[in-house]
N, C-alpha and C. Protein backbone atom coordinates (compact mmCIF):
# COMPACT_ATOMS: atom_id res chain seq x y z
N MET A 1 -130.20 -28.98 -111.23
CA MET A 1 -130.85 -29.69 -110.14
C MET A 1 -131.09 -28.71 -108.99
N LEU A 2 -132.31 -28.51 -108.61
CA LEU A 2 -132.67 -27.62 -107.52
C LEU A 2 -132.61 -28.39 -106.21
N MET A 3 -131.86 -27.86 -105.27
CA MET A 3 -131.77 -28.48 -103.95
C MET A 3 -132.86 -27.85 -103.08
N LYS A 4 -133.81 -28.64 -102.67
CA LYS A 4 -134.92 -28.11 -101.87
C LYS A 4 -134.65 -28.20 -100.38
N THR A 5 -133.83 -29.13 -99.97
CA THR A 5 -133.54 -29.28 -98.56
C THR A 5 -132.05 -29.11 -98.33
N SER A 6 -131.71 -28.79 -97.12
CA SER A 6 -130.30 -28.62 -96.79
C SER A 6 -129.64 -30.00 -96.67
N PRO A 7 -128.31 -30.04 -96.78
CA PRO A 7 -127.59 -31.31 -96.65
C PRO A 7 -127.32 -31.68 -95.19
N CYS A 8 -128.00 -31.03 -94.27
CA CYS A 8 -127.82 -31.30 -92.84
C CYS A 8 -128.09 -32.77 -92.55
N ILE A 9 -127.21 -33.37 -91.74
CA ILE A 9 -127.41 -34.78 -91.36
C ILE A 9 -127.74 -34.90 -89.86
N ARG A 10 -128.10 -33.76 -89.25
CA ARG A 10 -128.53 -33.70 -87.85
C ARG A 10 -127.43 -34.17 -86.89
N ASN A 11 -126.19 -33.85 -87.23
CA ASN A 11 -125.05 -34.13 -86.37
C ASN A 11 -124.30 -32.81 -86.21
N CYS A 12 -125.02 -31.81 -85.71
CA CYS A 12 -124.53 -30.43 -85.72
C CYS A 12 -123.64 -30.13 -84.53
N CYS A 13 -122.43 -29.75 -84.85
CA CYS A 13 -121.46 -29.29 -83.87
C CYS A 13 -120.39 -28.55 -84.65
N LEU A 14 -120.06 -27.34 -84.23
CA LEU A 14 -119.08 -26.54 -84.96
C LEU A 14 -117.69 -26.68 -84.36
N ASP A 15 -116.69 -26.71 -85.23
CA ASP A 15 -115.30 -26.72 -84.77
C ASP A 15 -114.80 -25.29 -84.59
N GLN A 16 -113.51 -25.11 -84.36
CA GLN A 16 -112.95 -23.78 -84.13
C GLN A 16 -113.05 -22.86 -85.34
N GLN A 17 -113.20 -23.43 -86.53
CA GLN A 17 -113.33 -22.64 -87.76
C GLN A 17 -114.79 -22.44 -88.16
N ASP A 18 -115.72 -22.71 -87.26
CA ASP A 18 -117.16 -22.61 -87.52
C ASP A 18 -117.59 -23.52 -88.67
N CYS A 19 -117.00 -24.71 -88.72
CA CYS A 19 -117.35 -25.71 -89.73
C CYS A 19 -118.12 -26.83 -89.02
N CYS A 20 -119.26 -27.19 -89.56
CA CYS A 20 -120.09 -28.24 -88.96
C CYS A 20 -119.40 -29.60 -89.08
N LEU A 21 -119.29 -30.30 -87.97
CA LEU A 21 -118.66 -31.62 -87.99
C LEU A 21 -119.53 -32.66 -88.69
N GLY A 22 -120.82 -32.38 -88.81
CA GLY A 22 -121.72 -33.33 -89.47
C GLY A 22 -121.71 -33.19 -90.98
N CYS A 23 -122.13 -32.04 -91.47
CA CYS A 23 -122.28 -31.87 -92.93
C CYS A 23 -121.09 -31.20 -93.60
N GLY A 24 -120.22 -30.55 -92.83
CA GLY A 24 -119.04 -29.93 -93.40
C GLY A 24 -119.24 -28.51 -93.90
N ARG A 25 -120.45 -27.98 -93.75
CA ARG A 25 -120.67 -26.60 -94.19
C ARG A 25 -120.18 -25.62 -93.13
N LEU A 26 -119.78 -24.44 -93.59
CA LEU A 26 -119.41 -23.37 -92.69
C LEU A 26 -120.67 -22.73 -92.12
N LEU A 27 -120.55 -22.12 -90.96
CA LEU A 27 -121.71 -21.51 -90.32
C LEU A 27 -122.38 -20.50 -91.24
N THR A 28 -121.59 -19.69 -91.94
CA THR A 28 -122.18 -18.72 -92.87
C THR A 28 -122.96 -19.40 -93.98
N GLU A 29 -122.48 -20.55 -94.43
CA GLU A 29 -123.19 -21.30 -95.48
C GLU A 29 -124.50 -21.88 -94.95
N ILE A 30 -124.48 -22.32 -93.71
CA ILE A 30 -125.69 -22.87 -93.09
C ILE A 30 -126.75 -21.77 -92.93
N LEU A 31 -126.32 -20.63 -92.40
CA LEU A 31 -127.25 -19.54 -92.13
C LEU A 31 -127.85 -18.95 -93.39
N GLN A 32 -127.10 -18.94 -94.49
CA GLN A 32 -127.56 -18.32 -95.73
C GLN A 32 -128.06 -19.33 -96.76
N TRP A 33 -128.17 -20.59 -96.39
CA TRP A 33 -128.48 -21.68 -97.32
C TRP A 33 -129.64 -21.37 -98.26
N GLN A 34 -130.75 -20.90 -97.73
CA GLN A 34 -131.96 -20.67 -98.54
C GLN A 34 -131.80 -19.52 -99.52
N HIS A 35 -130.78 -18.70 -99.34
CA HIS A 35 -130.57 -17.55 -100.22
C HIS A 35 -129.65 -17.86 -101.40
N PHE A 36 -128.99 -19.01 -101.36
CA PHE A 36 -128.09 -19.39 -102.44
C PHE A 36 -128.86 -19.96 -103.62
N THR A 37 -128.32 -19.76 -104.81
CA THR A 37 -128.91 -20.39 -106.00
C THR A 37 -128.62 -21.88 -105.96
N SER A 38 -129.28 -22.63 -106.80
CA SER A 38 -129.05 -24.07 -106.87
C SER A 38 -127.58 -24.37 -107.20
N ALA A 39 -127.01 -23.62 -108.13
CA ALA A 39 -125.60 -23.83 -108.50
C ALA A 39 -124.68 -23.53 -107.31
N GLU A 40 -124.98 -22.47 -106.56
CA GLU A 40 -124.18 -22.14 -105.39
C GLU A 40 -124.31 -23.23 -104.32
N GLN A 41 -125.52 -23.74 -104.14
CA GLN A 41 -125.74 -24.81 -103.17
C GLN A 41 -124.94 -26.06 -103.55
N GLN A 42 -124.93 -26.39 -104.83
CA GLN A 42 -124.18 -27.56 -105.29
C GLN A 42 -122.69 -27.38 -105.02
N LEU A 43 -122.17 -26.17 -105.25
CA LEU A 43 -120.76 -25.89 -105.00
C LEU A 43 -120.46 -25.99 -103.50
N ILE A 44 -121.35 -25.48 -102.68
CA ILE A 44 -121.17 -25.56 -101.23
C ILE A 44 -121.16 -27.01 -100.77
N VAL A 45 -122.06 -27.82 -101.28
CA VAL A 45 -122.10 -29.23 -100.92
C VAL A 45 -120.80 -29.92 -101.31
N SER A 46 -120.29 -29.61 -102.48
CA SER A 46 -119.04 -30.20 -102.93
C SER A 46 -117.88 -29.81 -102.01
N LYS A 47 -117.80 -28.53 -101.67
CA LYS A 47 -116.74 -28.06 -100.76
C LYS A 47 -116.91 -28.67 -99.37
N ALA A 48 -118.15 -28.79 -98.93
CA ALA A 48 -118.43 -29.37 -97.61
C ALA A 48 -117.98 -30.83 -97.57
N GLN A 49 -118.24 -31.57 -98.62
CA GLN A 49 -117.81 -32.97 -98.69
C GLN A 49 -116.29 -33.07 -98.64
N GLN A 50 -115.61 -32.13 -99.29
CA GLN A 50 -114.15 -32.10 -99.25
C GLN A 50 -113.65 -31.81 -97.83
N ARG A 51 -114.34 -30.93 -97.13
CA ARG A 51 -113.95 -30.62 -95.75
C ARG A 51 -114.12 -31.84 -94.85
N VAL A 52 -115.24 -32.54 -95.02
CA VAL A 52 -115.50 -33.74 -94.21
C VAL A 52 -114.43 -34.79 -94.51
N GLN A 53 -114.10 -34.98 -95.78
CA GLN A 53 -113.08 -35.96 -96.16
C GLN A 53 -111.72 -35.57 -95.59
N ALA A 54 -111.37 -34.29 -95.66
CA ALA A 54 -110.09 -33.83 -95.13
C ALA A 54 -110.02 -34.08 -93.62
N ARG A 55 -111.14 -33.84 -92.92
CA ARG A 55 -111.17 -34.09 -91.47
C ARG A 55 -110.97 -35.58 -91.19
N GLN A 56 -111.63 -36.43 -91.96
CA GLN A 56 -111.47 -37.87 -91.77
C GLN A 56 -110.04 -38.31 -92.07
N ASP A 57 -109.44 -37.73 -93.10
CA ASP A 57 -108.05 -38.06 -93.44
C ASP A 57 -107.12 -37.65 -92.29
N ASP A 58 -107.38 -36.46 -91.70
CA ASP A 58 -106.57 -35.99 -90.58
C ASP A 58 -106.69 -36.92 -89.37
N ILE A 59 -107.88 -37.44 -89.16
CA ILE A 59 -108.10 -38.36 -88.04
C ILE A 59 -107.37 -39.67 -88.28
N MET A 60 -107.43 -40.17 -89.51
CA MET A 60 -106.79 -41.44 -89.84
C MET A 60 -105.27 -41.32 -89.95
N HIS A 61 -104.81 -40.16 -90.39
CA HIS A 61 -103.37 -39.94 -90.60
C HIS A 61 -102.97 -38.59 -90.02
N PRO A 62 -102.93 -38.49 -88.69
CA PRO A 62 -102.60 -37.20 -88.08
C PRO A 62 -101.19 -36.75 -88.45
N ALA A 63 -100.99 -35.46 -88.46
CA ALA A 63 -99.66 -34.91 -88.75
C ALA A 63 -98.70 -35.34 -87.66
N ALA A 64 -97.47 -35.50 -88.04
CA ALA A 64 -96.45 -35.90 -87.08
C ALA A 64 -96.27 -34.82 -86.02
N THR A 65 -96.07 -35.24 -84.79
CA THR A 65 -95.80 -34.29 -83.73
C THR A 65 -94.38 -33.79 -83.88
N PRO A 66 -94.05 -32.64 -83.31
CA PRO A 66 -92.69 -32.10 -83.45
C PRO A 66 -91.61 -33.11 -83.03
N SER A 67 -91.86 -33.93 -82.00
CA SER A 67 -90.84 -34.90 -81.56
C SER A 67 -90.66 -36.01 -82.61
N GLU A 68 -91.70 -36.29 -83.39
CA GLU A 68 -91.59 -37.32 -84.43
C GLU A 68 -90.89 -36.82 -85.66
N GLN A 69 -90.83 -35.49 -85.84
CA GLN A 69 -90.23 -34.91 -87.04
C GLN A 69 -88.71 -34.89 -86.96
N SER A 70 -88.12 -35.00 -85.78
CA SER A 70 -86.67 -34.94 -85.63
C SER A 70 -86.01 -36.22 -86.08
């Protein structure tokens, strides 16, 4: 499957790790998107979806603060 367009959802904002809060791609992946093969793009999309899910999980279930761990 050839990906002709980027997975951008027009909610662009980068976190401290240069990961887009909208689509979950890293800045390097965004900048080089057109140079990746279809297989590479599919892998990036899969990893990006995992990043977005991990961020949502962290928001829903934040790590315990040090005072809560005692």
